[in-house]
Amino acid sequence: MIRYDFHMHCSFSGDSVTPPEEQIEEAIRLGAEGICFTDHMDYSYPMAKESGTDFEFDVDDYYRRMSELRDRYRGRLEILIGIEYGLRNEPDLIGEMQEKYGRLNDEYDLDFTIGSTHCLEYTDPFYAVPYWVGRTPDEGLETYFRAVAENAKNYDCYDSSGHYDYAVRYVPASDAWKGPACYDPVKYMDITDEFLKTLIHKGKALECNTAGIKYGLGTTHPHELVLKRYLELGGELLTIGSDGHKPEHIFYDFKTTEDYLKNIGFKYYTIYRRHKPEFIRL
């Protein structure tokens, strides 16, 4: 069993109302050894007004609360403290994001950070308007993957790169796109190779995120072919997370995922304590 979930959210994230204690109690019920909270910090989230959702939180309060919970549950569950950073590739935002996320890493004794691309071109592909307007599915996905590859190069604040093919969830249905089965990662493999080589060169991990299964994609984020390519290129650092925002979604489908990763060829997954990777056998 994979006994650590390294991507989960609670009420500190703008898209979750779950108290952290509920995530912790569910992890204990499931027999977990540890979890890492990675609540959303997306500075300058462009759709905040439209969505009514703010992806920033009081980090002093967060770190204090998580430290208290870590101490309270010591001996029952290891609680690690992380943040999911929303990386941006818009030229006028890169320097600001580098400075802000770097400062958080310097000021807080975090265990782990995820670097995820939720937004590009001042919007989020979650919203069909404006991101997908005037674009074919292939054009929208290629643009998104290029942004992820650029962000991998531009930022050093993250330990693991989150949900690589996130945008696949949100391609609007059309004659050209009747569902997730239309997604063929081979079409974008040149960009993917560039991205994966950057991770390996910089000593960053790739995340295997089971939310893809939860969202009905039939595969994890990233797709099985991307995971295979990562191994072929020599990638070794692999974190595993559910991206769960409520108790029933943490450790989502981890038993199946364990077998799936073994079949691909992975022998270990990675956890982080104070940004230092540790390998655990699958």
C-alpha atoms as a PDB file:
ATOM      1  CA  MET A   1       0.000   0.000   0.000  1.00  0.00           C
ATOM      2  CA  ILE A   2       1.136   3.538  -0.758  1.00  0.00           C
ATOM      3  CA  ARG A   3       0.986   4.972   2.754  1.00  0.00           C
ATOM      4  CA  TYR A   4       1.758   8.644   2.071  1.00  0.00           C
ATOM      5  CA  ASP A   5      -0.489  11.082   0.212  1.00  0.00           C
ATOM      6  CA  PHE A   6       1.608  14.073  -0.897  1.00  0.00           C
ATOM      7  CA  HIS A   7      -1.051  16.281  -2.429  1.00  0.00           C
ATOM      8  CA  MET A   8      -4.147  17.244  -0.470  1.00  0.00           C
ATOM      9  CA  HIS A   9      -6.116  20.318   0.490  1.00  0.00           C
ATOM     10  CA  CYS A  10      -8.227  21.578   3.344  1.00  0.00           C
ATOM     11  CA  SER A  11     -10.124  24.739   4.260  1.00  0.00           C
ATOM     12  CA  PHE A  12      -7.003  26.875   3.799  1.00  0.00           C
ATOM     13  CA  SER A  13      -7.491  26.336   0.042  1.00  0.00           C
ATOM     14  CA  GLY A  14     -10.053  28.505  -1.684  1.00  0.00           C
ATOM     15  CA  ASP A  15     -11.740  25.473  -3.246  1.00  0.00           C
ATOM     16  CA  SER A  16     -12.103  23.369  -0.089  1.00  0.00           C
ATOM     17  CA  VAL A  17     -14.251  23.687   3.035  1.00  0.00           C
ATOM     18  CA  THR A  18     -12.835  20.611   4.782  1.00  0.00           C
ATOM     19  CA  PRO A  19     -11.266  21.213   8.204  1.00  0.00           C
ATOM     20  CA  PRO A  20      -7.764  19.723   8.260  1.00  0.00           C
ATOM     21  CA  GLU A  21      -8.732  17.484  11.190  1.00  0.00           C
ATOM     22  CA  GLU A  22     -11.206  15.651   8.954  1.00  0.00           C
ATOM     23  CA  GLN A  23      -8.500  14.871   6.403  1.00  0.00           C
ATOM     24  CA  ILE A  24      -6.238  13.671   9.191  1.00  0.00           C
ATOM     25  CA  GLU A  25      -8.846  11.432  10.817  1.00  0.00           C
ATOM     26  CA  GLU A  26      -9.699   9.851   7.472  1.00  0.00           C
ATOM     27  CA  ALA A  27      -6.020   9.185   6.750  1.00  0.00           C
ATOM     28  CA  ILE A  28      -5.717   7.458  10.144  1.00  0.00           C
ATOM     29  CA  ARG A  29      -8.838   5.390   9.412  1.00  0.00           C
ATOM     30  CA  LEU A  30      -7.260   4.297   6.122  1.00  0.00           C
ATOM     31  CA  GLY A  31      -4.108   3.115   7.885  1.00  0.00           C
ATOM     32  CA  ALA A  32      -1.818   5.773   6.407  1.00  0.00           C
ATOM     33  CA  GLU A  33       1.642   6.508   7.739  1.00  0.00           C
ATOM     34  CA  GLY A  34       1.714  10.145   6.687  1.00  0.00           C
ATOM     35  CA  ILE A  35       0.179  12.974   4.714  1.00  0.00           C
ATOM     36  CA  CYS A  36       1.375  16.303   3.405  1.00  0.00           C
ATOM     37  CA  PHE A  37      -0.984  19.255   3.250  1.00  0.00           C
ATOM     38  CA  THR A  38      -0.320  21.273   0.095  1.00  0.00           C
ATOM     39  CA  ASP A  39      -2.839  24.087   0.134  1.00  0.00           C
ATOM     40  CA  HIS A  40      -3.206  26.389  -2.849  1.00  0.00           C
ATOM     41  CA  MET A  41      -1.173  29.565  -3.075  1.00  0.00           C
ATOM     42  CA  ASP A  42      -1.959  31.138  -6.442  1.00  0.00           C
ATOM     43  CA  TYR A  43      -0.905  34.755  -6.286  1.00  0.00           C
ATOM     44  CA  SER A  44      -2.704  37.020  -8.767  1.00  0.00           C
ATOM     45  CA  TYR A  45      -5.270  34.372  -9.643  1.00  0.00           C
ATOM     46  CA  PRO A  46      -6.926  36.003 -12.654  1.00  0.00           C
ATOM     47  CA  MET A  47     -10.450  34.647 -12.251  1.00  0.00           C
ATOM     48  CA  ALA A  48     -10.888  35.498  -8.562  1.00  0.00           C
ATOM     49  CA  LYS A  49     -13.670  38.021  -9.166  1.00  0.00           C
ATOM     50  CA  GLU A  50     -15.548  35.826 -11.652  1.00  0.00           C
ATOM     51  CA  SER A  51     -15.289  32.693  -9.518  1.00  0.00           C
ATOM     52  CA  GLY A  52     -15.576  34.278  -6.101  1.00  0.00           C
ATOM     53  CA  THR A  53     -12.610  32.118  -5.105  1.00  0.00           C
ATOM     54  CA  ASP A  54      -9.367  33.455  -3.702  1.00  0.00           C
ATOM     55  CA  PHE A  55      -6.387  31.108  -3.825  1.00  0.00           C
ATOM     56  CA  GLU A  56      -4.267  32.918  -1.257  1.00  0.00           C
ATOM     57  CA  PHE A  57      -4.174  32.324   2.491  1.00  0.00           C
ATOM     58  CA  ASP A  58      -2.497  33.596   5.650  1.00  0.00           C
ATOM     59  CA  VAL A  59       0.703  31.560   5.677  1.00  0.00           C
ATOM     60  CA  ASP A  60       1.527  32.490   9.297  1.00  0.00           C
ATOM     61  CA  ASP A  61      -1.833  31.076  10.384  1.00  0.00           C
ATOM     62  CA  TYR A  62      -1.433  28.028   8.137  1.00  0.00           C
ATOM     63  CA  TYR A  63       2.034  27.165   9.363  1.00  0.00           C
ATOM     64  CA  ARG A  64       1.028  27.647  13.001  1.00  0.00           C
ATOM     65  CA  ARG A  65      -2.075  25.475  12.612  1.00  0.00           C
ATOM     66  CA  MET A  66      -0.273  22.713  10.738  1.00  0.00           C
ATOM     67  CA  SER A  67       2.530  22.686  13.303  1.00  0.00           C
ATOM     68  CA  GLU A  68      -0.016  22.309  16.093  1.00  0.00           C
ATOM     69  CA  LEU A  69      -1.700  19.426  14.279  1.00  0.00           C
ATOM     70  CA  ARG A  70       1.649  17.782  13.561  1.00  0.00           C
ATOM     71  CA  ASP A  71       2.399  17.802  17.300  1.00  0.00           C
ATOM     72  CA  ARG A  72      -1.109  16.748  18.342  1.00  0.00           C
ATOM     73  CA  TYR A  73      -1.164  13.689  16.084  1.00  0.00           C
ATOM     74  CA  ARG A  74       2.448  12.674  16.578  1.00  0.00           C
ATOM     75  CA  GLY A  75       2.631   8.915  16.981  1.00  0.00           C
ATOM     76  CA  ARG A  76      -0.670   8.374  15.155  1.00  0.00           C
ATOM     77  CA  LEU A  77       0.075   9.994  11.781  1.00  0.00           C
ATOM     78  CA  GLU A  78       3.023  11.895  10.369  1.00  0.00           C
ATOM     79  CA  ILE A  79       1.830  15.310   9.204  1.00  0.00           C
ATOM     80  CA  LEU A  80       4.092  17.152   6.817  1.00  0.00           C
ATOM     81  CA  ILE A  81       3.666  20.767   5.772  1.00  0.00           C
ATOM     82  CA  GLY A  82       3.685  21.872   2.158  1.00  0.00           C
ATOM     83  CA  ILE A  83       2.221  24.378  -0.280  1.00  0.00           C
ATOM     84  CA  GLU A  84       1.083  24.079  -3.887  1.00  0.00           C
ATOM     85  CA  TYR A  85       2.447  27.065  -5.786  1.00  0.00           C
ATOM     86  CA  GLY A  86       0.595  28.334  -8.846  1.00  0.00           C
ATOM     87  CA  LEU A  87       3.343  29.013 -11.399  1.00  0.00           C
ATOM     88  CA  ARG A  88       2.800  31.640 -14.084  1.00  0.00           C
ATOM     89  CA  ASN A  89       4.498  32.130 -17.445  1.00  0.00           C
ATOM     90  CA  GLU A  90       3.168  35.602 -18.317  1.00  0.00           C
ATOM     91  CA  PRO A  91       6.330  37.727 -18.765  1.00  0.00           C
ATOM     92  CA  ASP A  92       5.229  40.500 -16.402  1.00  0.00           C
ATOM     93  CA  LEU A  93       4.456  38.002 -13.614  1.00  0.00           C
ATOM     94  CA  ILE A  94       7.445  35.651 -13.669  1.00  0.00           C
ATOM     95  CA  GLY A  95       9.778  37.815 -11.587  1.00  0.00           C
ATOM     96  CA  GLU A  96       7.069  38.644  -9.055  1.00  0.00           C
ATOM     97  CA  MET A  97       6.118  34.974  -8.614  1.00  0.00           C
ATOM     98  CA  GLN A  98       9.742  33.885  -8.320  1.00  0.00           C
ATOM     99  CA  GLU A  99      10.287  36.445  -5.566  1.00  0.00           C
ATOM    100  CA  LYS A 100       7.090  35.675  -3.651  1.00  0.00           C
ATOM    101  CA  TYR A 101       7.402  31.900  -3.712  1.00  0.00           C
ATOM    102  CA  GLY A 102      11.113  32.040  -2.977  1.00  0.00           C
ATOM    103  CA  ARG A 103      10.396  34.213   0.049  1.00  0.00           C
ATOM    104  CA  LEU A 104       7.865  31.696   1.388  1.00  0.00           C
ATOM    105  CA  ASN A 105      10.457  28.933   1.074  1.00  0.00           C
ATOM    106  CA  ASP A 106      12.963  31.081   2.960  1.00  0.00           C
ATOM    107  CA  GLU A 107      10.595  32.190   5.729  1.00  0.00           C
ATOM    108  CA  TYR A 108       8.883  28.890   6.569  1.00  0.00           C
ATOM    109  CA  ASP A 109      10.319  25.491   7.409  1.00  0.00           C
ATOM    110  CA  LEU A 110       8.286  23.634   4.809  1.00  0.00           C
ATOM    111  CA  ASP A 111       8.707  19.976   3.995  1.00  0.00           C
ATOM    112  CA  PHE A 112       7.534  20.031   0.418  1.00  0.00           C
ATOM    113  CA  THR A 113       6.320  22.260  -2.394  1.00  0.00           C
ATOM    114  CA  ILE A 114       4.430  21.496  -5.596  1.00  0.00           C
ATOM    115  CA  GLY A 115       4.767  23.704  -8.649  1.00  0.00           C
ATOM    116  CA  SER A 116       1.561  23.579 -10.706  1.00  0.00           C
ATOM    117  CA  THR A 117       0.376  25.449 -13.755  1.00  0.00           C
ATOM    118  CA  HIS A 118      -3.267  26.362 -13.249  1.00  0.00           C
ATOM    119  CA  CYS A 119      -3.235  29.622 -15.212  1.00  0.00           C
ATOM    120  CA  LEU A 120      -1.739  31.040 -18.366  1.00  0.00           C
ATOM    121  CA  GLU A 121      -2.615  34.009 -20.540  1.00  0.00           C
ATOM    122  CA  TYR A 122      -4.287  35.554 -17.479  1.00  0.00           C
ATOM    123  CA  THR A 123      -6.943  32.850 -17.336  1.00  0.00           C
ATOM    124  CA  ASP A 124      -7.506  29.279 -16.165  1.00  0.00           C
ATOM    125  CA  PRO A 125      -8.345  26.501 -18.691  1.00  0.00           C
ATOM    126  CA  PHE A 126     -11.030  25.457 -16.191  1.00  0.00           C
ATOM    127  CA  TYR A 127     -13.079  28.277 -17.727  1.00  0.00           C
ATOM    128  CA  ALA A 128     -14.161  27.577 -21.319  1.00  0.00           C
ATOM    129  CA  VAL A 129     -14.443  31.328 -21.793  1.00  0.00           C
ATOM    130  CA  PRO A 130     -12.009  32.797 -22.576  1.00  0.00           C
ATOM    131  CA  TYR A 131      -9.308  30.124 -22.724  1.00  0.00           C
ATOM    132  CA  TRP A 132     -10.859  27.685 -25.199  1.00  0.00           C
ATOM    133  CA  VAL A 133     -12.589  30.269 -27.399  1.00  0.00           C
ATOM    134  CA  GLY A 134     -11.258  30.129 -30.968  1.00  0.00           C
ATOM    135  CA  ARG A 135      -8.952  27.206 -30.206  1.00  0.00           C
ATOM    136  CA  THR A 136      -9.068  23.591 -31.272  1.00  0.00           C
ATOM    137  CA  PRO A 137      -8.440  21.060 -28.481  1.00  0.00           C
ATOM    138  CA  ASP A 138      -4.963  20.412 -29.899  1.00  0.00           C
ATOM    139  CA  GLU A 139      -4.124  24.121 -29.965  1.00  0.00           C
ATOM    140  CA  GLY A 140      -5.328  24.648 -26.408  1.00  0.00           C
ATOM    141  CA  LEU A 141      -3.437  21.665 -25.053  1.00  0.00           C
ATOM    142  CA  GLU A 142      -0.224  22.480 -26.919  1.00  0.00           C
ATOM    143  CA  THR A 143      -0.303  26.029 -25.566  1.00  0.00           C
ATOM    144  CA  TYR A 144      -0.858  24.703 -22.060  1.00  0.00           C
ATOM    145  CA  PHE A 145       1.960  22.140 -22.257  1.00  0.00           C
ATOM    146  CA  ARG A 146       4.372  24.790 -23.535  1.00  0.00           C
ATOM    147  CA  ALA A 147       3.515  26.925 -20.516  1.00  0.00           C
ATOM    148  CA  VAL A 148       4.213  24.015 -18.164  1.00  0.00           C
ATOM    149  CA  ALA A 149       7.562  23.353 -19.844  1.00  0.00           C
ATOM    150  CA  GLU A 150       8.493  27.059 -19.571  1.00  0.00           C
ATOM    151  CA  ASN A 151       7.519  27.151 -15.905  1.00  0.00           C
ATOM    152  CA  ALA A 152       9.633  24.096 -15.146  1.00  0.00           C
ATOM    153  CA  LYS A 153      12.636  26.015 -16.474  1.00  0.00           C
ATOM    154  CA  ASN A 154      11.820  29.398 -14.958  1.00  0.00           C
ATOM    155  CA  TYR A 155      11.171  28.352 -11.347  1.00  0.00           C
ATOM    156  CA  ASP A 156      13.256  26.645  -8.682  1.00  0.00           C
ATOM    157  CA  CYS A 157      10.804  27.013  -5.774  1.00  0.00           C
ATOM    158  CA  TYR A 158       9.132  23.608  -6.239  1.00  0.00           C
ATOM    159  CA  ASP A 159      10.107  20.053  -5.296  1.00  0.00           C
ATOM    160  CA  SER A 160       7.630  18.276  -7.576  1.00  0.00           C
ATOM    161  CA  SER A 161       5.757  19.321 -10.704  1.00  0.00           C
ATOM    162  CA  GLY A 162       2.012  18.850 -10.219  1.00  0.00           C
ATOM    163  CA  HIS A 163      -0.671  17.284 -12.463  1.00  0.00           C
ATOM    164  CA  TYR A 164       1.155  17.746 -15.782  1.00  0.00           C
ATOM    165  CA  ASP A 165      -1.871  17.356 -18.068  1.00  0.00           C
ATOM    166  CA  TYR A 166      -4.368  19.221 -15.882  1.00  0.00           C
ATOM    167  CA  ALA A 167      -5.914  21.051 -18.859  1.00  0.00           C
ATOM    168  CA  VAL A 168      -7.157  17.787 -20.386  1.00  0.00           C
ATOM    169  CA  ARG A 169      -9.956  17.761 -17.798  1.00  0.00           C
ATOM    170  CA  TYR A 170     -11.450  20.944 -19.184  1.00  0.00           C
ATOM    171  CA  VAL A 171     -11.417  20.634 -22.973  1.00  0.00           C
ATOM    172  CA  PRO A 172     -14.969  21.547 -24.039  1.00  0.00           C
ATOM    173  CA  ALA A 173     -16.939  18.784 -25.743  1.00  0.00           C
ATOM    174  CA  SER A 174     -17.211  19.239 -29.516  1.00  0.00           C
ATOM    175  CA  ASP A 175     -17.218  17.253 -32.728  1.00  0.00           C
ATOM    176  CA  ALA A 176     -13.422  17.104 -32.414  1.00  0.00           C
ATOM    177  CA  TRP A 177     -13.423  16.215 -28.718  1.00  0.00           C
ATOM    178  CA  LYS A 178     -15.951  13.762 -27.357  1.00  0.00           C
ATOM    179  CA  GLY A 179     -14.150  13.042 -24.116  1.00  0.00           C
ATOM    180  CA  PRO A 180     -10.832  12.259 -22.426  1.00  0.00           C
ATOM    181  CA  ALA A 181     -10.206   9.266 -24.701  1.00  0.00           C
ATOM    182  CA  CYS A 182      -9.438  11.825 -27.438  1.00  0.00           C
ATOM    183  CA  TYR A 183      -6.285  12.869 -25.575  1.00  0.00           C
ATOM    184  CA  ASP A 184      -3.194  11.455 -27.239  1.00  0.00           C
ATOM    185  CA  PRO A 185      -0.019  12.458 -25.362  1.00  0.00           C
ATOM    186  CA  VAL A 186       2.130  11.303 -28.293  1.00  0.00           C
ATOM    187  CA  LYS A 187       1.046  14.453 -30.177  1.00  0.00           C
ATOM    188  CA  TYR A 188       2.827  16.627 -27.630  1.00  0.00           C
ATOM    189  CA  MET A 189       5.767  14.371 -26.795  1.00  0.00           C
ATOM    190  CA  ASP A 190       8.410  16.792 -28.092  1.00  0.00           C
ATOM    191  CA  ILE A 191       7.220  19.376 -25.564  1.00  0.00           C
ATOM    192  CA  THR A 192       6.853  16.690 -22.910  1.00  0.00           C
ATOM    193  CA  ASP A 193      10.424  15.511 -23.478  1.00  0.00           C
ATOM    194  CA  GLU A 194      11.671  19.068 -22.998  1.00  0.00           C
ATOM    195  CA  PHE A 195       9.668  19.325 -19.774  1.00  0.00           C
ATOM    196  CA  LEU A 196      10.793  15.957 -18.388  1.00  0.00           C
ATOM    197  CA  LYS A 197      14.455  16.592 -19.218  1.00  0.00           C
ATOM    198  CA  THR A 198      14.217  19.896 -17.340  1.00  0.00           C
ATOM    199  CA  LEU A 199      12.885  18.138 -14.245  1.00  0.00           C
ATOM    200  CA  ILE A 200      15.602  15.507 -14.361  1.00  0.00           C
ATOM    201  CA  HIS A 201      18.376  18.071 -14.945  1.00  0.00           C
ATOM    202  CA  LYS A 202      17.171  20.237 -12.044  1.00  0.00           C
ATOM    203  CA  GLY A 203      16.595  17.314  -9.652  1.00  0.00           C
ATOM    204  CA  LYS A 204      12.847  17.926  -9.460  1.00  0.00           C
ATOM    205  CA  ALA A 205      10.212  15.241  -9.038  1.00  0.00           C
ATOM    206  CA  LEU A 206       7.290  14.406 -11.287  1.00  0.00           C
ATOM    207  CA  GLU A 207       3.940  13.970  -9.578  1.00  0.00           C
ATOM    208  CA  CYS A 208       1.608  11.030 -10.171  1.00  0.00           C
ATOM    209  CA  ASN A 209      -1.777  12.568  -9.337  1.00  0.00           C
ATOM    210  CA  THR A 210      -4.771  10.248  -9.048  1.00  0.00           C
ATOM    211  CA  ALA A 211      -7.331  13.015  -9.575  1.00  0.00           C
ATOM    212  CA  GLY A 212      -7.229  12.115 -13.255  1.00  0.00           C
ATOM    213  CA  ILE A 213      -8.899   8.832 -12.351  1.00  0.00           C
ATOM    214  CA  LYS A 214     -11.415  10.622 -10.127  1.00  0.00           C
ATOM    215  CA  TYR A 215     -12.291  12.995 -12.985  1.00  0.00           C
ATOM    216  CA  GLY A 216     -12.969  10.092 -15.342  1.00  0.00           C
ATOM    217  CA  LEU A 217      -9.914  10.480 -17.574  1.00  0.00           C
ATOM    218  CA  GLY A 218      -9.112   6.784 -17.272  1.00  0.00           C
ATOM    219  CA  THR A 219      -5.530   7.557 -16.267  1.00  0.00           C
ATOM    220  CA  THR A 220      -3.557   9.488 -13.701  1.00  0.00           C
ATOM    221  CA  HIS A 221      -2.026  12.914 -14.238  1.00  0.00           C
ATOM    222  CA  PRO A 222       0.201  12.552 -16.141  1.00  0.00           C
ATOM    223  CA  HIS A 223      -0.888   9.936 -18.660  1.00  0.00           C
ATOM    224  CA  GLU A 224       0.741   6.504 -18.508  1.00  0.00           C
ATOM    225  CA  LEU A 225       2.803   7.240 -21.639  1.00  0.00           C
ATOM    226  CA  VAL A 226       4.297  10.315 -19.989  1.00  0.00           C
ATOM    227  CA  LEU A 227       5.218   8.309 -16.902  1.00  0.00           C
ATOM    228  CA  LYS A 228       6.861   5.677 -19.094  1.00  0.00           C
ATOM    229  CA  ARG A 229       8.813   8.334 -20.949  1.00  0.00           C
ATOM    230  CA  TYR A 230      10.009   9.827 -17.660  1.00  0.00           C
ATOM    231  CA  LEU A 231      11.498   6.448 -16.733  1.00  0.00           C
ATOM    232  CA  GLU A 232      13.063   6.026 -20.175  1.00  0.00           C
ATOM    233  CA  LEU A 233      14.788   9.391 -19.804  1.00  0.00           C
ATOM    234  CA  GLY A 234      16.202   8.377 -16.420  1.00  0.00           C
ATOM    235  CA  GLY A 235      13.673  10.017 -14.098  1.00  0.00           C
ATOM    236  CA  GLU A 236      13.602   8.611 -10.575  1.00  0.00           C
ATOM    237  CA  LEU A 237      11.829  11.119  -8.317  1.00  0.00           C
ATOM    238  CA  LEU A 238       8.091  10.418  -8.263  1.00  0.00           C
ATOM    239  CA  THR A 239       5.648  11.825  -5.716  1.00  0.00           C
ATOM    240  CA  ILE A 240       2.118  10.462  -5.383  1.00  0.00           C
ATOM    241  CA  GLY A 241      -0.895  12.535  -4.430  1.00  0.00           C
ATOM    242  CA  SER A 242      -4.663  12.370  -4.590  1.00  0.00           C
ATOM    243  CA  ASP A 243      -5.277  16.116  -4.885  1.00  0.00           C
ATOM    244  CA  GLY A 244      -8.123  15.411  -2.459  1.00  0.00           C
ATOM    245  CA  HIS A 245     -10.192  18.359  -1.269  1.00  0.00           C
ATOM    246  CA  LYS A 246     -12.441  16.303   0.999  1.00  0.00           C
ATOM    247  CA  PRO A 247     -11.995  13.113   3.042  1.00  0.00           C
ATOM    248  CA  GLU A 248     -13.506  10.679   0.546  1.00  0.00           C
ATOM    249  CA  HIS A 249     -10.944  11.711  -2.069  1.00  0.00           C
ATOM    250  CA  ILE A 250      -7.670  11.384  -0.166  1.00  0.00           C
ATOM    251  CA  PHE A 251      -5.596   8.312  -1.071  1.00  0.00           C
ATOM    252  CA  TYR A 252      -7.936   8.004  -4.052  1.00  0.00           C
ATOM    253  CA  ASP A 253      -7.470   4.672  -5.872  1.00  0.00           C
ATOM    254  CA  PHE A 254      -3.966   4.271  -4.449  1.00  0.00           C
ATOM    255  CA  LYS A 255      -4.089   0.457  -4.461  1.00  0.00           C
ATOM    256  CA  THR A 256      -4.763   0.357  -8.199  1.00  0.00           C
ATOM    257  CA  THR A 257      -2.180   3.085  -8.744  1.00  0.00           C
ATOM    258  CA  GLU A 258       0.478   1.088  -6.916  1.00  0.00           C
ATOM    259  CA  ASP A 259       0.014  -1.844  -9.297  1.00  0.00           C
ATOM    260  CA  TYR A 260      -0.189   0.528 -12.266  1.00  0.00           C
ATOM    261  CA  LEU A 261       3.142   2.170 -11.395  1.00  0.00           C
ATOM    262  CA  LYS A 262       4.828  -1.187 -10.847  1.00  0.00           C
ATOM    263  CA  ASN A 263       3.630  -2.348 -14.269  1.00  0.00           C
ATOM    264  CA  ILE A 264       5.099   0.777 -15.853  1.00  0.00           C
ATOM    265  CA  GLY A 265       8.427  -0.040 -14.208  1.00  0.00           C
ATOM    266  CA  PHE A 266       8.615   2.129 -11.091  1.00  0.00           C
ATOM    267  CA  LYS A 267      10.107   0.462  -8.037  1.00  0.00           C
ATOM    268  CA  TYR A 268       9.989   3.403  -5.629  1.00  0.00           C
ATOM    269  CA  TYR A 269       8.046   6.546  -4.903  1.00  0.00           C
ATOM    270  CA  THR A 270       9.341   9.617  -3.128  1.00  0.00           C
ATOM    271  CA  ILE A 271       8.369  11.565  -0.036  1.00  0.00           C
ATOM    272  CA  TYR A 272       9.983  14.773   1.183  1.00  0.00           C
ATOM    273  CA  ARG A 273      10.977  16.017   4.594  1.00  0.00           C
ATOM    274  CA  ARG A 274      12.399  19.556   4.662  1.00  0.00           C
ATOM    275  CA  HIS A 275      12.746  19.426   0.878  1.00  0.00           C
ATOM    276  CA  LYS A 276      14.924  16.297   1.011  1.00  0.00           C
ATOM    277  CA  PRO A 277      13.694  13.339  -1.067  1.00  0.00           C
ATOM    278  CA  GLU A 278      13.407   9.887   0.486  1.00  0.00           C
ATOM    279  CA  PHE A 279      12.663   6.755  -1.523  1.00  0.00           C
ATOM    280  CA  ILE A 280      10.033   4.253  -0.425  1.00  0.00           C
ATOM    281  CA  ARG A 281       9.596   0.901  -2.160  1.00  0.00           C
ATOM    282  CA  LEU A 282       6.281   0.356  -3.917  1.00  0.00           C
END
